[in-house]
Amino acid sequence: MKRGITAGRLTAALRAVPRHLREDLWTTAAEEPTPAGGRRPAWLEWRPAIVVPLVVLGVVMLAGNVNTYHFRYGIPMGPAVLLAAPQAAAPVLALYRPALGWWAATGALLLAGYAAAAGAGPFTAPLWERTGLPAQAAVLFFAALRVRPRATAGMLVLGVLAGALANGWVSGGYRDDQLPALTLLVCALVGALLRGRQKARTALVAQEELTAEERARRTLLEERNRIARELHDVVAHHMSVISIQAQVAPHLAENPSDELRENLRGIRQNAVEALTELRRVLGVLRSGDTGPDSAPHAPQPTLDRLGELVGNVRGAGVEVAVATTGAPRPLSPGTELSAFRIVQEALSNAMRHAPGAAVRIAVGYRPDRLTLRVTNTAPDRPAPPSPGAGHGLLGMRERTAMLGGELATGPTPDGGYEVTAILPAPAPPAPHPSDDAQDPTP
């Protein structure tokens, strides 16, 4: 049973040989198509420079083959030029059309062997090594750089058979043609190996690009999810306060009307429903946290904890200076949280990428904005290799853009690095005089 299956496969493979040869050497010109979105081999950009030495070599080959065909094998000068010209042009042609260059070199070799057989004597030198081998070797090398391995193998086998046949016609019988056959084999193998190496490198570069894009996309999604969770906590806090105030308000007024009670009840009901919906939509994000910093009920950090953050960094041996300008004032929870995270990430980057550098943090309170500036001096020693690509700057930009602010990062003239963030933080409106008049507090 197995023997019958093997015989059937062998028969099918032999029947497919003519079709494969036609596809490789004629129909598709043997050139493997570039995949969609793929890259062409880099050496193809150097073809104009490669053509120049090949043209010089072709001129030398043309003159040498014409003299050999005419004076050694007795071929008239006109036919000798016609036979030598395709062989001289074949290497240049193979740079752009591999199959066409192979046909030119192989066909000219067969015709030259047939023409030289009429005037050759019994001790005439072999034709293949003297005229056709250089062109065939160059053509096979360039073809192997661009065509499928199956097409390269077909060109190699048919080229060796053509050279042996040409030698047989000239010498009147079989000759030992191992050396030229081995030469063609080496050229084909070198070209195929270089082609495989180029394809592997191209695939590796493409995979690295895809990996970097996927990593950046994943980090961006993670940062957005983290921001969403933190915003959830901020919004949930305010909605909870609204709900409690709406529930307590009727008890603070004397003889509240039914309309007031009904409105406050509606406010509380809407706040509770909005809070429930918010938690339902964003609760999935919080359930995916598994790290140590993912405690779902932990209070979110604000700028009030900046001293604690700086103390931890100083404990790690980093020199940190903090300067505050303007009058500190309460900011919105989202601004406080984003400001703290930006400073935290900038300090982490300074510790990771600038070991031994001094860090300065400047916090500026302006009437309509909050300015953060974190700078570090040049490192005093090389930074250790970082595992993977960091995306801290990406997270800073996301937070700044979320608040409608601006972020600028870049190296400083002294070799350090600077991160500057401007976050909108309008000051709360001043109390109206009438409010002060109605305030019973002394």
Protein backbone atom coordinates (compact mmCIF):
# COMPACT_ATOMS: atom_id res chain seq x y z
CA MET A 1 0.00 0.00 0.00
CA LYS A 2 2.71 2.45 0.99
CA ARG A 3 4.80 1.46 -2.03
CA GLY A 4 1.85 2.23 -4.32
CA ILE A 5 1.30 5.64 -2.71
CA THR A 6 5.01 6.49 -3.05
CA ALA A 7 5.02 5.45 -6.71
CA GLY A 8 1.94 7.56 -7.37
CA ARG A 9 3.50 10.62 -5.77
CA LEU A 10 6.71 10.11 -7.75
CA THR A 11 4.75 9.81 -10.98
CA ALA A 12 2.79 12.97 -10.20
CA ALA A 13 5.99 14.84 -9.37
CA LEU A 14 7.62 13.78 -12.64
CA ARG A 15 4.56 14.82 -14.62
CA ALA A 16 4.64 18.22 -12.92
CA VAL A 17 8.28 18.89 -13.89
CA PRO A 18 7.49 20.36 -17.35
CA ARG A 19 4.80 22.60 -15.90
CA HIS A 20 7.13 23.83 -13.14
CA LEU A 21 9.90 24.51 -15.65
CA ARG A 22 7.51 26.45 -17.83
CA GLU A 23 6.33 28.52 -14.87
CA ASP A 24 9.82 29.14 -13.51
CA LEU A 25 11.71 29.78 -16.73
CA TRP A 26 9.11 31.21 -19.04
CA THR A 27 5.64 32.13 -17.73
CA THR A 28 6.51 34.00 -14.53
CA ALA A 29 10.08 34.88 -15.46
CA ALA A 30 11.12 32.96 -12.31
CA GLU A 31 11.03 36.09 -10.16
CA GLU A 32 9.31 35.66 -6.81
CA PRO A 33 6.71 38.42 -6.27
CA THR A 34 7.12 40.83 -3.39
CA PRO A 35 4.40 40.21 -0.78
CA ALA A 36 1.82 42.92 -0.15
CA GLY A 37 3.29 45.46 2.21
CA GLY A 38 6.69 43.71 1.99
CA ARG A 39 10.04 45.22 1.19
CA ARG A 40 12.21 44.69 -1.82
CA PRO A 41 15.78 43.50 -1.22
CA ALA A 42 18.04 46.40 -0.35
CA TRP A 43 20.70 45.42 -2.89
CA LEU A 44 18.31 46.16 -5.76
CA GLU A 45 18.83 49.85 -5.08
CA TRP A 46 22.50 49.35 -6.01
CA ARG A 47 21.81 47.92 -9.46
CA PRO A 48 22.79 51.08 -11.37
CA ALA A 49 26.19 50.99 -9.65
CA ILE A 50 26.59 47.23 -10.30
CA VAL A 51 25.84 47.66 -14.00
CA VAL A 52 29.03 49.68 -14.61
CA PRO A 53 31.57 46.94 -13.77
CA LEU A 54 29.35 44.37 -15.49
CA VAL A 55 29.40 46.39 -18.70
CA VAL A 56 33.20 46.57 -18.54
CA LEU A 57 33.33 42.83 -17.93
CA GLY A 58 30.89 42.28 -20.82
CA VAL A 59 33.09 44.23 -23.23
CA VAL A 60 36.12 42.15 -22.25
CA MET A 61 34.06 38.95 -22.51
CA LEU A 62 32.73 39.98 -25.92
CA ALA A 63 36.18 40.60 -27.34
CA GLY A 64 37.61 37.40 -25.88
CA ASN A 65 34.74 35.16 -27.03
CA VAL A 66 34.69 36.61 -30.53
CA ASN A 67 38.41 35.86 -30.93
CA THR A 68 37.98 32.37 -29.47
CA TYR A 69 35.03 31.48 -31.69
CA HIS A 70 36.70 32.83 -34.84
CA PHE A 71 40.32 31.79 -34.49
CA ARG A 72 40.09 28.64 -32.35
CA TYR A 73 36.81 27.10 -33.49
CA GLY A 74 36.66 28.42 -37.04
CA ILE A 75 33.34 30.26 -36.77
CA PRO A 76 33.07 33.21 -39.21
CA MET A 77 33.42 36.66 -37.71
CA GLY A 78 29.78 37.71 -38.17
CA PRO A 79 28.23 34.65 -36.49
CA ALA A 80 30.96 34.79 -33.83
CA VAL A 81 29.86 38.31 -32.86
CA LEU A 82 26.20 37.25 -32.82
CA LEU A 83 27.02 34.32 -30.51
CA ALA A 84 29.28 36.29 -28.16
CA ALA A 85 27.00 39.32 -27.76
CA PRO A 86 24.18 37.55 -25.83
CA GLN A 87 26.72 35.95 -23.50
CA ALA A 88 28.33 39.32 -22.80
CA ALA A 89 24.96 40.98 -22.13
CA ALA A 90 23.49 38.11 -20.08
CA PRO A 91 24.88 39.21 -16.62
CA VAL A 92 23.51 42.74 -17.03
CA LEU A 93 20.20 41.35 -18.24
CA ALA A 94 20.01 38.99 -15.26
CA LEU A 95 20.06 41.96 -12.87
CA TYR A 96 16.62 43.01 -14.13
CA ARG A 97 15.20 39.89 -15.82
CA PRO A 98 16.79 36.74 -14.33
CA ALA A 99 15.06 34.22 -16.60
CA LEU A 100 15.75 36.24 -19.75
CA GLY A 101 19.43 36.53 -18.81
CA TRP A 102 19.61 32.77 -18.24
CA TRP A 103 18.03 32.07 -21.62
CA ALA A 104 20.53 34.40 -23.32
CA ALA A 105 23.58 32.72 -21.72
CA THR A 106 22.34 29.14 -22.14
CA GLY A 107 20.96 29.54 -25.64
CA ALA A 108 24.11 31.24 -26.91
CA LEU A 109 26.25 28.44 -25.39
CA LEU A 110 24.24 25.72 -27.18
CA LEU A 111 24.33 27.54 -30.51
CA ALA A 112 28.05 28.18 -30.15
CA GLY A 113 28.69 24.48 -29.42
CA TYR A 114 26.67 23.43 -32.46
CA ALA A 115 28.44 25.93 -34.73
CA ALA A 116 31.90 25.07 -33.40
CA ALA A 117 31.37 21.33 -33.89
CA ALA A 118 31.74 21.65 -37.68
CA GLY A 119 35.24 23.13 -37.57
CA ALA A 120 36.57 21.46 -34.43
CA GLY A 121 39.18 18.72 -34.50
CA PRO A 122 39.53 15.68 -32.22
CA PHE A 123 41.90 17.52 -29.86
CA THR A 124 40.04 20.83 -29.75
CA ALA A 125 39.85 22.46 -26.30
CA PRO A 126 36.44 22.32 -24.59
CA LEU A 127 34.12 25.20 -25.41
CA TRP A 128 32.18 25.47 -22.13
CA GLU A 129 35.05 26.48 -19.85
CA ARG A 130 36.52 28.95 -22.35
CA THR A 131 33.42 30.92 -23.37
CA GLY A 132 30.14 30.07 -21.66
CA LEU A 133 31.09 29.41 -18.04
CA PRO A 134 31.74 33.04 -16.88
CA ALA A 135 28.40 34.24 -18.24
CA GLN A 136 26.52 31.29 -16.78
CA ALA A 137 28.12 31.69 -13.36
CA ALA A 138 27.28 35.41 -13.16
CA VAL A 139 23.73 34.82 -14.37
CA LEU A 140 23.12 32.01 -11.88
CA PHE A 141 24.43 34.10 -9.00
CA PHE A 142 22.19 37.10 -9.77
CA ALA A 143 19.23 34.86 -10.52
CA ALA A 144 19.61 32.97 -7.24
CA LEU A 145 19.39 36.29 -5.39
CA ARG A 146 15.89 36.91 -6.75
CA VAL A 147 14.14 33.70 -7.80
CA ARG A 148 12.64 30.76 -5.95
CA PRO A 149 14.98 27.95 -4.95
CA ARG A 150 13.07 25.65 -7.29
CA ALA A 151 13.79 27.96 -10.23
CA THR A 152 17.45 28.21 -9.23
CA ALA A 153 17.71 24.42 -9.18
CA GLY A 154 16.13 24.19 -12.62
CA MET A 155 18.50 26.78 -14.05
CA LEU A 156 21.48 24.97 -12.52
CA VAL A 157 20.54 21.52 -13.86
CA LEU A 158 19.65 22.71 -17.35
CA GLY A 159 22.74 24.95 -17.47
CA VAL A 160 25.04 22.03 -16.60
CA LEU A 161 23.34 19.83 -19.22
CA ALA A 162 23.69 22.59 -21.83
CA GLY A 163 27.40 23.04 -21.08
CA ALA A 164 28.06 19.29 -21.17
CA LEU A 165 26.17 19.02 -24.47
CA ALA A 166 28.15 21.87 -26.01
CA ASN A 167 31.42 20.27 -24.92
CA GLY A 168 30.25 16.93 -26.29
CA TRP A 169 29.50 18.40 -29.70
CA VAL A 170 32.90 20.09 -29.92
CA SER A 171 34.93 17.17 -28.53
CA GLY A 172 32.96 14.43 -30.25
CA GLY A 173 32.02 12.58 -27.06
CA TYR A 174 31.57 12.70 -23.29
CA ARG A 175 34.02 14.75 -21.24
CA ASP A 176 34.70 15.05 -17.53
CA ASP A 177 32.98 18.39 -16.79
CA GLN A 178 33.00 18.30 -13.01
CA LEU A 179 34.91 21.55 -12.50
CA PRO A 180 32.53 23.86 -14.44
CA ALA A 181 29.52 22.08 -12.95
CA LEU A 182 30.93 22.58 -9.45
CA THR A 183 31.56 26.26 -10.25
CA LEU A 184 27.92 26.78 -11.23
CA LEU A 185 26.77 24.92 -8.12
CA VAL A 186 28.84 27.15 -5.83
CA CYS A 187 27.52 30.33 -7.49
CA ALA A 188 23.93 29.12 -7.19
CA LEU A 189 24.38 28.14 -3.53
CA VAL A 190 26.01 31.44 -2.57
CA GLY A 191 23.26 33.42 -4.25
CA ALA A 192 20.51 31.31 -2.66
CA LEU A 193 22.07 31.63 0.81
CA LEU A 194 22.35 35.40 0.47
CA ARG A 195 18.75 35.55 -0.69
CA GLY A 196 17.60 33.49 2.30
CA ARG A 197 19.55 35.72 4.66
CA GLN A 198 18.00 38.83 3.13
CA LYS A 199 14.50 37.38 3.43
CA ALA A 200 15.08 36.41 7.04
CA ARG A 201 16.36 39.88 7.86
CA THR A 202 13.41 41.53 6.12
CA ALA A 203 10.98 39.30 8.00
CA LEU A 204 12.74 40.10 11.28
CA VAL A 205 12.55 43.85 10.67
CA ALA A 206 8.87 43.60 9.77
CA GLN A 207 8.20 41.53 12.90
CA GLU A 208 10.07 44.03 15.08
CA GLU A 209 8.01 46.87 13.64
CA LEU A 210 4.79 44.98 14.27
CA THR A 211 5.93 44.14 17.79
CA ALA A 212 6.81 47.77 18.53
CA GLU A 213 3.46 48.97 17.16
CA GLU A 214 1.59 46.35 19.15
CA ARG A 215 3.53 47.22 22.31
CA ALA A 216 2.82 50.92 21.85
CA ARG A 217 -0.85 50.21 21.18
CA ARG A 218 -1.12 47.96 24.23
CA THR A 219 0.63 50.51 26.44
CA LEU A 220 -1.63 53.25 25.15
CA LEU A 221 -4.71 51.18 25.93
CA GLU A 222 -3.38 50.32 29.39
CA GLU A 223 -2.69 53.98 30.12
CA ARG A 224 -6.14 54.99 28.90
CA ASN A 225 -7.70 52.28 31.02
CA ARG A 226 -5.76 53.53 34.02
CA ILE A 227 -6.90 57.08 33.37
CA ALA A 228 -10.48 55.84 32.99
CA ARG A 229 -10.28 54.06 36.33
CA GLU A 230 -8.90 57.13 38.04
CA LEU A 231 -11.55 59.35 36.48
CA HIS A 232 -14.12 56.85 37.63
CA ASP A 233 -12.95 57.33 41.19
CA VAL A 234 -13.01 61.12 40.85
CA VAL A 235 -16.46 61.27 39.26
CA ALA A 236 -17.81 58.63 41.65
CA HIS A 237 -16.68 60.77 44.58
CA HIS A 238 -18.55 63.83 43.33
CA MET A 239 -21.66 61.87 42.44
CA SER A 240 -21.68 60.32 45.90
CA VAL A 241 -21.41 63.77 47.48
CA ILE A 242 -24.29 65.03 45.35
CA SER A 243 -26.42 62.07 46.38
CA ILE A 244 -25.71 62.55 50.09
CA GLN A 245 -26.30 66.31 49.93
CA ALA A 246 -29.58 65.81 48.12
CA GLN A 247 -30.65 63.32 50.80
CA VAL A 248 -29.65 65.58 53.72
CA ALA A 249 -30.87 68.88 52.29
CA PRO A 250 -34.56 68.46 53.25
CA HIS A 251 -33.57 68.05 56.89
CA LEU A 252 -31.65 71.36 56.88
CA ALA A 253 -34.60 73.47 55.80
CA GLU A 254 -37.56 74.44 57.91
CA ASN A 255 -40.84 73.16 56.56
CA PRO A 256 -39.57 72.21 53.09
CA SER A 257 -42.27 72.20 50.46
CA ASP A 258 -43.36 69.06 48.69
CA GLU A 259 -41.92 70.39 45.41
CA LEU A 260 -38.52 70.87 47.06
CA ARG A 261 -38.59 67.39 48.53
CA GLU A 262 -39.59 65.95 45.16
CA ASN A 263 -36.82 67.82 43.31
CA LEU A 264 -34.18 66.78 45.82
CA ARG A 265 -35.44 63.21 45.65
CA GLY A 266 -35.12 63.32 41.87
CA ILE A 267 -31.58 64.75 42.11
CA ARG A 268 -30.55 61.98 44.48
CA GLN A 269 -32.17 59.31 42.29
CA ASN A 270 -30.43 60.59 39.16
CA ALA A 271 -27.10 60.76 40.97
CA VAL A 272 -27.47 57.19 42.22
CA GLU A 273 -28.46 55.92 38.76
CA ALA A 274 -25.57 57.76 37.09
CA LEU A 275 -23.14 56.40 39.66
CA THR A 276 -24.45 52.86 39.17
CA GLU A 277 -24.17 53.14 35.40
CA LEU A 278 -20.66 54.58 35.62
CA ARG A 279 -19.52 51.76 37.89
CA ARG A 280 -21.15 49.17 35.64
CA VAL A 281 -19.39 50.46 32.51
CA LEU A 282 -15.96 51.00 34.06
CA GLY A 283 -16.02 48.23 36.64
CA VAL A 284 -14.58 45.79 34.12
CA LEU A 285 -11.46 47.93 33.84
CA ARG A 286 -10.87 47.82 37.56
CA SER A 287 -11.37 44.07 37.76
CA GLY A 288 -8.42 43.54 35.41
CA ASP A 289 -5.89 45.02 37.82
CA THR A 290 -3.54 42.53 39.40
CA GLY A 291 -0.57 44.65 40.38
CA PRO A 292 0.33 45.97 43.82
CA ASP A 293 -0.88 49.47 42.88
CA SER A 294 -4.32 48.32 41.88
CA ALA A 295 -6.18 48.47 45.18
CA PRO A 296 -9.68 49.42 44.02
CA HIS A 297 -10.57 51.41 47.12
CA ALA A 298 -7.22 53.15 47.75
CA PRO A 299 -7.39 56.98 47.66
CA GLN A 300 -5.93 58.51 44.52
CA PRO A 301 -2.73 60.54 45.08
CA THR A 302 -2.69 64.31 44.79
CA LEU A 303 -0.02 67.01 44.97
CA ASP A 304 -0.35 66.94 48.76
CA ARG A 305 1.60 63.67 48.62
CA LEU A 306 4.41 65.16 46.52
CA GLY A 307 6.62 65.41 49.61
CA GLU A 308 6.12 61.71 50.32
CA LEU A 309 7.03 60.85 46.71
CA VAL A 310 10.16 63.02 46.83
CA GLY A 311 11.16 61.47 50.16
CA ASN A 312 11.01 57.98 48.66
CA VAL A 313 13.18 59.06 45.75
CA ARG A 314 15.72 60.70 48.04
CA GLY A 315 15.82 57.50 50.04
CA ALA A 316 17.00 55.77 46.86
CA GLY A 317 20.06 58.07 46.76
CA VAL A 318 18.80 60.63 44.23
CA GLU A 319 19.32 64.33 44.88
CA VAL A 320 15.93 66.02 44.43
CA ALA A 321 15.07 69.70 44.94
CA VAL A 322 11.50 71.02 44.95
CA ALA A 323 10.52 74.65 44.35
CA THR A 324 6.96 75.99 44.46
CA THR A 325 5.95 79.39 43.06
CA GLY A 326 2.57 81.01 43.48
CA ALA A 327 0.00 80.38 46.18
CA PRO A 328 -0.94 76.69 46.39
CA ARG A 329 -4.68 76.17 46.11
CA PRO A 330 -7.02 73.22 45.79
CA LEU A 331 -7.37 71.97 42.23
CA SER A 332 -9.87 69.68 40.62
CA PRO A 333 -9.31 66.00 41.48
CA GLY A 334 -8.48 65.14 37.86
CA THR A 335 -5.83 67.86 37.64
CA GLU A 336 -4.33 66.93 41.02
CA LEU A 337 -4.11 63.27 40.04
CA SER A 338 -2.64 63.89 36.58
CA ALA A 339 -0.08 66.36 37.98
CA PHE A 340 1.08 63.83 40.56
CA ARG A 341 1.34 61.05 37.95
CA ILE A 342 3.33 63.25 35.54
CA VAL A 343 5.85 64.16 38.25
CA GLN A 344 6.01 60.52 39.35
CA GLU A 345 6.73 59.29 35.82
CA ALA A 346 9.32 62.01 35.19
CA LEU A 347 11.15 61.05 38.40
CA SER A 348 11.06 57.38 37.40
CA ASN A 349 12.52 58.17 33.97
CA ALA A 350 15.29 60.27 35.56
CA MET A 351 16.21 57.46 37.94
CA ARG A 352 16.15 54.86 35.15
CA HIS A 353 17.89 56.73 32.33
CA ALA A 354 20.12 59.25 34.18
CA PRO A 355 21.81 57.48 37.12
CA GLY A 356 23.60 59.85 39.45
CA ALA A 357 21.87 62.95 38.05
CA ALA A 358 20.36 65.66 40.24
CA VAL A 359 16.65 66.34 39.73
CA ARG A 360 14.80 69.60 40.21
CA ILE A 361 11.00 69.86 40.41
CA ALA A 362 9.32 73.23 39.88
CA VAL A 363 5.60 73.59 40.59
CA GLY A 364 4.03 76.88 39.55
CA TYR A 365 0.52 77.97 40.50
CA ARG A 366 -0.80 80.53 38.04
CA PRO A 367 -4.24 82.16 37.99
CA ASP A 368 -5.46 79.93 35.17
CA ARG A 369 -3.01 77.05 35.00
CA LEU A 370 -0.62 74.77 36.82
CA THR A 371 2.95 74.48 35.51
CA LEU A 372 5.13 71.46 36.21
CA ARG A 373 8.80 71.34 35.25
CA VAL A 374 11.03 68.36 36.04
CA THR A 375 14.66 68.58 34.92
CA ASN A 376 17.68 66.41 35.57
CA THR A 377 21.35 67.02 34.98
CA ALA A 378 23.57 64.84 32.83
CA PRO A 379 24.13 61.33 34.26
CA ASP A 380 27.51 60.63 35.81
CA ARG A 381 27.59 57.03 34.54
CA PRO A 382 26.03 55.01 31.74
CA ALA A 383 22.48 53.88 32.32
CA PRO A 384 21.95 50.12 32.62
CA PRO A 385 20.05 48.50 29.75
CA SER A 386 16.31 48.87 30.17
CA PRO A 387 14.18 45.76 29.61
CA GLY A 388 11.82 46.56 26.76
CA ALA A 389 10.74 49.90 25.36
CA GLY A 390 9.36 52.44 27.84
CA HIS A 391 6.19 54.39 27.16
CA GLY A 392 6.15 56.83 30.06
CA LEU A 393 6.17 59.87 27.78
CA LEU A 394 3.18 58.45 25.97
CA GLY A 395 1.23 58.28 29.21
CA MET A 396 2.19 61.86 30.09
CA ARG A 397 0.92 63.08 26.73
CA GLU A 398 -2.33 61.18 27.19
CA ARG A 399 -2.93 62.76 30.59
CA THR A 400 -2.03 66.25 29.38
CA ALA A 401 -4.20 65.95 26.28
CA MET A 402 -7.10 64.64 28.37
CA LEU A 403 -7.07 67.88 30.39
CA GLY A 404 -6.50 70.11 27.35
CA GLY A 405 -2.97 71.04 28.40
CA GLU A 406 0.45 71.04 26.77
CA LEU A 407 3.52 68.84 27.23
CA ALA A 408 7.09 69.51 26.07
CA THR A 409 9.98 67.08 26.51
CA GLY A 410 13.55 67.03 25.30
CA PRO A 411 17.24 67.18 26.18
CA THR A 412 18.81 70.22 27.81
CA PRO A 413 22.02 71.94 26.65
CA ASP A 414 24.00 70.50 29.60
CA GLY A 415 23.20 66.91 28.62
CA GLY A 416 20.23 66.45 30.91
CA TYR A 417 16.54 66.11 30.18
CA GLU A 418 13.47 68.24 30.81
CA VAL A 419 9.74 67.56 31.07
CA THR A 420 7.39 70.55 31.14
CA ALA A 421 3.62 70.23 31.49
CA ILE A 422 1.05 73.03 31.53
CA LEU A 423 -2.33 71.95 32.87
CA PRO A 424 -5.40 74.21 32.81
CA ALA A 425 -6.41 75.01 36.39
CA PRO A 426 -8.70 78.05 36.58
CA ALA A 427 -8.98 79.62 40.00
CA PRO A 428 -12.35 79.25 41.78
CA PRO A 429 -14.62 82.30 41.46
CA ALA A 430 -14.40 84.84 44.25
CA PRO A 431 -17.36 84.83 46.66
CA HIS A 432 -20.10 87.34 45.87
CA PRO A 433 -20.55 90.16 48.44
CA SER A 434 -24.15 89.19 48.93
CA ASP A 435 -23.04 85.71 49.91
CA ASP A 436 -20.79 87.18 52.58
CA ALA A 437 -23.66 89.25 53.90
CA GLN A 438 -25.83 86.20 54.22
CA ASP A 439 -23.07 84.10 55.83
CA PRO A 440 -23.89 83.73 59.52
CA THR A 441 -20.35 82.71 60.38
CA PRO A 442 -18.61 85.52 62.33
